[in-house]
Amino acid sequence: MISLTDPDDPDQVSGMPHRVASSLRARGVRVTPIVTDRPGPEPRLARAYRRRVPPRCKGVVDDLFPSRTAGVLHRRARSLAASVTAQLESHARGDTGRPDLLFGVCIATALAELATDLPIVYFSDAASPIINATYPAFAARGRAFLDARVEIERAALARVSRAAFASARARDSAVGDLGLRADLATVIPMGANVTPHDPEGIRAPATPPTARDCRLLIVAADPVRKRVDLAVRAAESLRRAGIDATLSVIGPGTRLARRSHAVDFCRPLRLSDPADAAVHTGLLHACHLQLLPSVGEAFGIAPTESAHHARPAIVSDAGGLPSVVRHDDTGIVIPVAEPHQTWADAIAALVRDPERYRRYSANALAHARVEFTWSAWGARMVSLMHETLGADRPARVTPTRTAG
């Protein structure tokens, strides 16, 4: 398993590599991690630039020095490929031996320049054209940076034997925008990271919200992209309309969230910490609705977690969210351009229509138990791996050198 971070560390990359590796191991797959190396020790100035310079300023630099910008990304691709190659050779000489196939999560940069005759199964929750257009940290970057990201992912997908994506929107972008063969692409939804300790104890439908008790939840490690302030304003609007709404915010929050009387602020939580995980589970069980008004969202794990607690979600139509929440079935999907009042009106409509809320609640729980579990993800992924191993192995690929 190729990974940019240690898949045995549950705190890396929102826990996704860890969950993926654990799911495969639970299915009897022997997972040998190949953790890619950085191109070398990062100079202090480069580290400060990466961490502290705002994306908009980086975009100016990208446009001023396009060749340098693209060159940095392509050099990283070559370095990561060399790291993977060296580790594969080391494993082949050691006790681990030659693997049956290579697998990785969001590893386009490591694959773009990799030469191997091993089958490659690729999984991702997004595609670079979607991320480039909808994530503020990327959308503000210069054209050379964005084009290089697309070029690298296109080269990576040209090398895969099979590719799975967490949502239909990501799969369609990989096929339509990045040239992946449609017959090699499939959809395998991810599982929820926070699930009830006693699933059988969860009863659907949940108790509907009322004008006197309307509890909302938003989980937002990135409060700008996930638009915490829009959720806060929606809760405040509900209070002005006579609905006693309280919004719990998990994450760093915003200045508005900390000052609002409609907000019950919660610090950021680490799911690897049992105490934090218990707090998170408690908030999911206590809320009536989860909100996720993101401007950009690769998949949307948070609504799957509330669904496992029989709590429906109201989400934007960004990224994979419309495949996580089925509109007017397991929740409500609102166009991303709509203002906070539209969100407040949607919540108020559910307060006035408890039967519709009950229908959403029951459907959300049933859908989550079938689609959004890591056990289901593992079963589908292992099946895809067996299909890959049963197919003819591709000829050795010699990567075409890219600029930079």
Protein backbone atom coordinates (compact mmCIF):
# COMPACT_ATOMS: atom_id res chain seq x y z
CA MET A 1 0.00 0.00 0.00
CA ILE A 2 1.54 3.25 -1.18
CA SER A 3 0.72 6.13 1.15
CA LEU A 4 1.98 9.66 1.61
CA THR A 5 1.63 9.13 5.38
CA ASP A 6 1.87 6.19 7.76
CA PRO A 7 -1.39 4.21 7.36
CA ASP A 8 -0.97 2.88 10.90
CA ASP A 9 -1.37 6.43 12.26
CA PRO A 10 -5.11 7.14 12.75
CA ASP A 11 -4.58 10.91 12.92
CA GLN A 12 -3.13 11.36 9.41
CA VAL A 13 -5.24 12.71 6.51
CA SER A 14 -8.49 12.62 8.50
CA GLY A 15 -7.77 8.98 9.31
CA MET A 16 -8.54 7.80 5.77
CA PRO A 17 -5.32 5.81 5.06
CA HIS A 18 -5.66 4.13 8.46
CA ARG A 19 -9.29 3.19 7.88
CA VAL A 20 -8.50 1.89 4.42
CA ALA A 21 -5.60 -0.26 5.57
CA SER A 22 -7.58 -1.61 8.52
CA SER A 23 -10.51 -2.50 6.25
CA LEU A 24 -8.28 -4.43 3.86
CA ARG A 25 -6.54 -6.28 6.69
CA ALA A 26 -9.91 -7.24 8.15
CA ARG A 27 -10.63 -8.91 4.79
CA GLY A 28 -7.45 -10.97 4.95
CA VAL A 29 -5.30 -8.77 2.74
CA ARG A 30 -1.65 -8.58 3.77
CA VAL A 31 -0.94 -4.87 3.63
CA THR A 32 2.69 -3.79 3.43
CA PRO A 33 2.96 0.00 3.78
CA ILE A 34 5.20 1.91 1.39
CA VAL A 35 5.36 5.37 2.92
CA THR A 36 6.69 7.84 0.38
CA ASP A 37 9.53 10.12 1.35
CA ARG A 38 9.67 13.86 0.98
CA PRO A 39 12.03 15.12 -1.74
CA GLY A 40 14.54 15.94 0.99
CA PRO A 41 14.90 18.12 4.08
CA GLU A 42 12.65 21.11 3.64
CA PRO A 43 14.49 24.42 4.02
CA ARG A 44 13.12 26.71 6.70
CA LEU A 45 12.14 29.39 4.19
CA ALA A 46 10.30 26.86 2.02
CA ARG A 47 8.47 25.49 5.03
CA ALA A 48 7.43 28.98 6.11
CA TYR A 49 6.23 29.73 2.57
CA ARG A 50 4.16 26.54 2.45
CA ARG A 51 2.56 27.02 5.86
CA ARG A 52 2.18 30.76 6.27
CA VAL A 53 1.82 32.45 2.88
CA PRO A 54 -1.87 32.86 1.92
CA PRO A 55 -3.02 30.97 -1.21
CA ARG A 56 -3.79 34.21 -3.05
CA CYS A 57 -0.19 35.37 -2.59
CA LYS A 58 1.08 31.98 -3.73
CA GLY A 59 -1.10 32.41 -6.81
CA VAL A 60 0.71 35.64 -7.67
CA VAL A 61 4.06 33.86 -7.38
CA ASP A 62 2.70 30.99 -9.52
CA ASP A 63 1.80 33.42 -12.30
CA LEU A 64 5.11 35.29 -12.07
CA PHE A 65 7.21 32.11 -12.20
CA PRO A 66 5.11 29.45 -13.97
CA SER A 67 8.03 27.22 -14.99
CA ARG A 68 9.37 27.15 -11.46
CA THR A 69 5.91 26.41 -10.02
CA ALA A 70 5.30 23.48 -12.37
CA GLY A 71 8.86 22.26 -11.93
CA VAL A 72 8.49 21.95 -8.16
CA LEU A 73 5.46 19.66 -8.55
CA HIS A 74 7.04 17.51 -11.25
CA ARG A 75 10.27 17.14 -9.27
CA ARG A 76 8.24 15.95 -6.31
CA ALA A 77 6.52 13.39 -8.54
CA ARG A 78 9.89 12.02 -9.66
CA SER A 79 11.20 11.94 -6.10
CA LEU A 80 8.17 10.08 -4.76
CA ALA A 81 8.31 7.58 -7.62
CA ALA A 82 11.99 6.94 -6.87
CA SER A 83 11.13 6.36 -3.20
CA VAL A 84 8.41 3.83 -4.12
CA THR A 85 10.76 2.04 -6.52
CA ALA A 86 13.51 1.78 -3.91
CA GLN A 87 11.15 0.38 -1.29
CA LEU A 88 9.66 -2.13 -3.73
CA GLU A 89 13.14 -3.37 -4.56
CA SER A 90 13.98 -3.64 -0.86
CA HIS A 91 10.83 -5.66 -0.18
CA ALA A 92 11.58 -7.94 -3.14
CA ARG A 93 15.00 -8.76 -1.65
CA GLY A 94 13.61 -9.25 1.87
CA ASP A 95 11.08 -11.44 3.62
CA THR A 96 8.08 -9.52 2.35
CA GLY A 97 8.75 -10.44 -1.26
CA ARG A 98 7.23 -9.04 -4.42
CA PRO A 99 3.63 -7.83 -3.89
CA ASP A 100 0.70 -9.07 -5.95
CA LEU A 101 -0.41 -5.54 -6.69
CA LEU A 102 0.08 -1.93 -5.68
CA PHE A 103 -2.71 -0.03 -3.98
CA GLY A 104 -2.93 3.53 -2.76
CA VAL A 105 -5.24 6.31 -1.65
CA CYS A 106 -4.89 9.76 -3.26
CA ILE A 107 -1.38 8.93 -4.54
CA ALA A 108 -1.45 10.50 -8.00
CA THR A 109 1.82 12.36 -7.42
CA ALA A 110 3.63 9.15 -6.47
CA LEU A 111 2.25 7.23 -9.47
CA ALA A 112 2.75 9.83 -12.20
CA GLU A 113 6.41 8.92 -12.80
CA LEU A 114 6.39 5.35 -11.49
CA ALA A 115 7.63 2.61 -13.85
CA THR A 116 6.35 -0.83 -12.83
CA ASP A 117 4.78 -3.95 -14.30
CA LEU A 118 2.72 -4.55 -11.15
CA PRO A 119 -1.06 -4.05 -11.37
CA ILE A 120 -2.15 -0.82 -9.69
CA VAL A 121 -5.48 -0.29 -7.93
CA TYR A 122 -6.13 3.36 -7.18
CA PHE A 123 -8.68 4.89 -4.80
CA SER A 124 -9.54 8.54 -4.28
CA ASP A 125 -12.36 10.64 -2.90
CA ALA A 126 -11.78 13.42 -5.42
CA ALA A 127 -10.25 14.48 -8.72
CA SER A 128 -7.94 17.44 -9.17
CA PRO A 129 -10.23 19.44 -11.53
CA ILE A 130 -12.94 19.42 -8.85
CA ILE A 131 -10.56 20.34 -6.04
CA ASN A 132 -8.87 23.05 -8.13
CA ALA A 133 -12.21 24.72 -8.84
CA THR A 134 -13.96 24.43 -5.48
CA TYR A 135 -11.41 24.38 -2.66
CA PRO A 136 -10.44 27.99 -1.83
CA ALA A 137 -6.84 27.02 -0.99
CA PHE A 138 -6.43 25.68 -4.52
CA ALA A 139 -8.76 27.94 -6.49
CA ALA A 140 -6.63 30.94 -5.51
CA ARG A 141 -3.45 29.40 -6.94
CA GLY A 142 -1.99 30.31 -10.34
CA ARG A 143 -2.70 28.57 -13.62
CA ALA A 144 0.70 26.85 -13.78
CA PHE A 145 0.13 25.21 -10.40
CA LEU A 146 -3.39 24.05 -11.26
CA ASP A 147 -2.40 22.77 -14.71
CA ALA A 148 0.55 20.83 -13.27
CA ARG A 149 -1.75 19.13 -10.74
CA VAL A 150 -4.09 18.03 -13.53
CA GLU A 151 -1.17 16.88 -15.72
CA ILE A 152 0.26 14.79 -12.88
CA GLU A 153 -3.05 13.14 -12.06
CA ARG A 154 -3.71 12.46 -15.75
CA ALA A 155 -0.34 10.71 -16.00
CA ALA A 156 -1.05 8.70 -12.83
CA LEU A 157 -4.45 7.49 -14.04
CA ALA A 158 -2.91 6.40 -17.33
CA ARG A 159 -0.89 3.86 -15.30
CA VAL A 160 -3.63 2.29 -13.18
CA SER A 161 -5.20 -1.10 -13.78
CA ARG A 162 -8.40 -0.19 -11.91
CA ALA A 163 -9.57 3.00 -10.21
CA ALA A 164 -12.31 3.47 -7.64
CA PHE A 165 -13.74 6.76 -6.46
CA ALA A 166 -15.86 7.60 -3.44
CA SER A 167 -18.54 9.40 -5.48
CA ALA A 168 -19.95 9.37 -8.99
CA ARG A 169 -18.92 13.01 -9.43
CA ALA A 170 -15.25 12.19 -8.77
CA ARG A 171 -15.39 9.18 -11.09
CA ASP A 172 -17.00 11.21 -13.86
CA SER A 173 -14.37 13.92 -13.54
CA ALA A 174 -11.57 11.33 -13.72
CA VAL A 175 -13.10 9.93 -16.92
CA GLY A 176 -14.25 13.16 -18.54
CA ASP A 177 -11.52 15.57 -17.44
CA LEU A 178 -8.51 13.31 -16.90
CA GLY A 179 -8.89 10.73 -19.64
CA LEU A 180 -9.32 7.63 -17.47
CA ARG A 181 -10.89 4.77 -19.41
CA ALA A 182 -14.52 4.44 -18.31
CA ASP A 183 -14.30 0.64 -18.09
CA LEU A 184 -11.52 0.93 -15.50
CA ALA A 185 -13.47 3.30 -13.22
CA THR A 186 -16.01 2.45 -10.54
CA VAL A 187 -17.61 3.99 -7.44
CA ILE A 188 -17.00 2.65 -3.94
CA PRO A 189 -18.37 4.94 -1.18
CA MET A 190 -16.32 5.39 1.98
CA GLY A 191 -17.43 4.39 5.43
CA ALA A 192 -18.25 6.58 8.41
CA ASN A 193 -15.48 7.20 10.94
CA VAL A 194 -17.77 7.85 13.92
CA THR A 195 -20.43 5.19 14.42
CA PRO A 196 -22.56 4.21 17.43
CA HIS A 197 -20.96 1.93 20.01
CA ASP A 198 -24.21 -0.03 20.03
CA PRO A 199 -25.73 0.17 16.53
CA GLU A 200 -28.70 -1.94 17.56
CA GLY A 201 -29.54 0.69 20.14
CA ILE A 202 -30.15 3.29 17.45
CA ARG A 203 -33.83 3.54 16.70
CA ALA A 204 -35.38 5.16 13.66
CA PRO A 205 -37.07 7.43 13.23
CA ALA A 206 -35.41 9.83 15.62
CA THR A 207 -37.45 12.38 17.55
CA PRO A 208 -38.14 15.35 15.23
CA PRO A 209 -37.04 18.90 16.08
CA THR A 210 -39.60 21.32 17.43
CA ALA A 211 -39.88 25.08 17.77
CA ARG A 212 -38.74 24.70 21.38
CA ASP A 213 -35.88 22.29 20.70
CA CYS A 214 -33.97 22.34 17.42
CA ARG A 215 -30.38 21.10 17.75
CA LEU A 216 -28.04 21.44 14.80
CA LEU A 217 -24.46 20.22 14.30
CA ILE A 218 -21.63 21.16 11.95
CA VAL A 219 -18.23 19.43 11.85
CA ALA A 220 -15.67 21.70 10.22
CA ALA A 221 -11.92 21.37 10.45
CA ASP A 222 -11.85 24.00 7.69
CA PRO A 223 -14.45 26.57 8.80
CA VAL A 224 -14.06 28.74 5.69
CA ARG A 225 -14.52 26.02 3.07
CA LYS A 226 -17.33 24.39 5.05
CA ARG A 227 -18.93 27.80 5.70
CA VAL A 228 -19.46 27.69 9.42
CA ASP A 229 -20.60 31.31 9.35
CA LEU A 230 -23.46 30.47 6.98
CA ALA A 231 -24.63 27.79 9.42
CA VAL A 232 -24.36 30.26 12.32
CA ARG A 233 -26.45 32.86 10.47
CA ALA A 234 -29.05 30.22 9.64
CA ALA A 235 -29.34 29.30 13.33
CA GLU A 236 -29.63 32.96 14.29
CA SER A 237 -32.32 33.46 11.64
CA LEU A 238 -34.28 30.53 13.08
CA ARG A 239 -34.16 32.12 16.53
CA ARG A 240 -35.50 35.38 15.15
CA ALA A 241 -38.33 33.36 13.59
CA GLY A 242 -39.28 31.87 16.96
CA ILE A 243 -37.48 28.51 16.66
CA ASP A 244 -35.08 27.83 19.54
CA ALA A 245 -32.18 26.56 17.41
CA THR A 246 -28.75 25.78 18.83
CA LEU A 247 -25.80 25.01 16.56
CA SER A 248 -22.96 22.86 17.93
CA VAL A 249 -19.69 23.56 16.13
CA ILE A 250 -16.92 20.94 16.17
CA GLY A 251 -13.66 22.45 14.95
CA PRO A 252 -11.68 25.67 15.26
CA GLY A 253 -14.76 27.75 14.57
CA THR A 254 -14.84 31.42 13.58
CA ARG A 255 -15.12 34.75 15.33
CA LEU A 256 -18.84 34.87 14.54
CA ALA A 257 -19.34 31.35 15.92
CA ARG A 258 -17.59 32.20 19.18
CA ARG A 259 -19.69 35.33 19.66
CA SER A 260 -23.10 33.99 18.65
CA HIS A 261 -25.66 33.16 21.33
CA ALA A 262 -27.06 30.50 18.97
CA VAL A 263 -23.81 28.50 19.05
CA ASP A 264 -22.63 25.83 21.46
CA PHE A 265 -18.94 25.86 20.58
CA CYS A 266 -16.86 22.66 20.86
CA ARG A 267 -13.11 22.52 20.48
CA PRO A 268 -11.51 20.44 17.70
CA LEU A 269 -11.70 16.72 18.46
CA ARG A 270 -9.25 13.90 17.72
CA LEU A 271 -11.10 10.69 16.93
CA SER A 272 -8.10 8.60 18.01
CA ASP A 273 -8.64 9.90 21.55
CA PRO A 274 -11.40 7.83 23.21
CA ALA A 275 -12.62 10.80 25.24
CA ASP A 276 -12.86 13.02 22.17
CA ALA A 277 -14.55 10.25 20.19
CA ALA A 278 -17.14 9.91 22.98
CA VAL A 279 -17.85 13.66 22.85
CA HIS A 280 -18.26 13.50 19.08
CA THR A 281 -20.61 10.51 19.31
CA GLY A 282 -22.63 12.26 22.00
CA LEU A 283 -23.10 15.36 19.85
CA LEU A 284 -24.20 13.24 16.89
CA HIS A 285 -26.75 11.45 19.04
CA ALA A 286 -28.01 14.68 20.61
CA CYS A 287 -28.55 16.67 17.41
CA HIS A 288 -31.60 16.63 15.16
CA LEU A 289 -29.84 17.65 11.95
CA GLN A 290 -26.29 17.90 10.66
CA LEU A 291 -25.43 20.81 8.36
CA LEU A 292 -22.66 20.90 5.76
CA PRO A 293 -22.88 23.97 3.50
CA SER A 294 -19.42 23.46 1.95
CA VAL A 295 -18.30 25.33 -1.15
CA GLY A 296 -16.04 22.36 -1.90
CA GLU A 297 -16.28 18.81 -0.59
CA ALA A 298 -14.58 15.71 -1.99
CA PHE A 299 -17.00 13.22 -0.44
CA GLY A 300 -18.52 14.25 2.89
CA ILE A 301 -17.88 11.82 5.73
CA ALA A 302 -19.74 13.90 8.33
CA PRO A 303 -23.27 13.30 6.92
CA THR A 304 -22.60 9.54 6.83
CA GLU A 305 -21.82 9.68 10.54
CA SER A 306 -25.04 11.47 11.47
CA ALA A 307 -26.95 9.03 9.25
CA HIS A 308 -25.62 6.12 11.34
CA HIS A 309 -27.30 7.83 14.30
CA ALA A 310 -30.58 8.20 12.33
CA ARG A 311 -30.01 11.93 12.00
CA PRO A 312 -30.57 13.32 8.51
CA ALA A 313 -28.39 16.04 7.03
CA ILE A 314 -28.84 19.21 5.02
CA VAL A 315 -25.89 19.73 2.67
CA SER A 316 -24.79 21.80 -0.30
CA ASP A 317 -24.53 20.27 -3.76
CA ALA A 318 -20.72 20.57 -3.74
CA GLY A 319 -18.54 17.63 -4.83
CA GLY A 320 -19.72 14.24 -3.66
CA LEU A 321 -22.32 15.49 -1.19
CA PRO A 322 -25.34 14.80 -3.45
CA SER A 323 -24.33 11.12 -3.55
CA VAL A 324 -23.95 10.99 0.24
CA VAL A 325 -27.28 12.71 0.95
CA ARG A 326 -30.12 11.80 -1.39
CA HIS A 327 -32.31 14.86 -1.79
CA ASP A 328 -35.80 14.55 -0.26
CA ASP A 329 -35.01 10.97 0.75
CA THR A 330 -32.23 10.89 3.35
CA GLY A 331 -32.00 14.66 3.76
CA ILE A 332 -31.93 17.88 1.78
CA VAL A 333 -29.44 19.10 -0.84
CA ILE A 334 -29.28 22.88 -1.36
CA PRO A 335 -27.50 24.61 -4.28
CA VAL A 336 -24.19 26.00 -3.08
CA ALA A 337 -25.04 29.54 -4.20
CA GLU A 338 -28.10 29.81 -1.95
CA PRO A 339 -27.87 32.22 1.03
CA HIS A 340 -28.21 31.33 4.70
CA GLN A 341 -31.93 32.13 4.71
CA THR A 342 -32.59 29.24 2.34
CA TRP A 343 -30.95 26.94 4.87
CA ALA A 344 -32.99 28.41 7.72
CA ASP A 345 -36.18 27.97 5.70
CA ALA A 346 -35.32 24.31 4.95
CA ILE A 347 -34.79 23.60 8.66
CA ALA A 348 -37.97 25.44 9.63
CA ALA A 349 -39.94 23.40 7.07
CA LEU A 350 -38.80 20.18 8.79
CA VAL A 351 -39.80 21.60 12.17
CA ARG A 352 -43.29 22.18 10.75
CA ASP A 353 -43.42 18.75 9.08
CA PRO A 354 -42.32 16.09 11.60
CA GLU A 355 -43.49 13.22 9.37
CA ARG A 356 -41.10 14.27 6.63
CA TYR A 357 -38.31 14.44 9.20
CA ARG A 358 -39.17 10.93 10.39
CA ARG A 359 -39.02 9.65 6.81
CA TYR A 360 -35.60 11.22 6.27
CA SER A 361 -34.37 9.79 9.58
CA ALA A 362 -35.42 6.21 8.82
CA ASN A 363 -34.10 6.34 5.26
CA ALA A 364 -30.78 7.89 6.31
CA LEU A 365 -30.11 5.11 8.82
CA ALA A 366 -31.06 2.32 6.40
CA HIS A 367 -28.92 3.82 3.63
CA ALA A 368 -25.90 4.33 5.90
CA ARG A 369 -25.94 0.76 7.18
CA VAL A 370 -25.78 -0.59 3.63
CA GLU A 371 -23.56 1.94 1.87
CA PHE A 372 -21.44 3.85 4.36
CA THR A 373 -19.44 1.30 6.35
CA TRP A 374 -15.77 0.50 6.07
CA SER A 375 -16.70 -3.17 6.04
CA ALA A 376 -18.73 -2.65 2.87
CA TRP A 377 -15.92 -0.55 1.40
CA GLY A 378 -13.40 -3.31 2.15
CA ALA A 379 -15.56 -6.02 0.59
CA ARG A 380 -15.99 -4.05 -2.62
CA MET A 381 -12.34 -3.06 -2.79
CA VAL A 382 -11.08 -6.61 -2.27
CA SER A 383 -13.47 -7.78 -5.00
CA LEU A 384 -12.01 -5.13 -7.30
CA MET A 385 -8.48 -6.30 -6.45
CA HIS A 386 -9.39 -9.90 -7.33
CA GLU A 387 -10.84 -8.70 -10.64
CA THR A 388 -7.61 -6.83 -11.31
CA LEU A 389 -5.43 -9.84 -10.55
CA GLY A 390 -7.61 -11.97 -12.79
CA ALA A 391 -7.15 -9.64 -15.74
CA ASP A 392 -4.12 -9.55 -18.01
CA ARG A 393 -1.32 -7.61 -16.38
CA PRO A 394 -0.29 -4.47 -18.23
CA ALA A 395 3.09 -4.23 -19.89
CA ARG A 396 5.83 -2.35 -18.06
CA VAL A 397 5.21 1.36 -18.26
CA THR A 398 8.08 3.73 -18.89
CA PRO A 399 6.92 7.21 -17.85
CA THR A 400 7.27 10.09 -20.24
CA ARG A 401 9.43 12.82 -18.84
CA THR A 402 7.54 15.96 -18.02
CA ALA A 403 8.79 19.50 -17.89
CA GLY A 404 10.65 20.65 -14.78
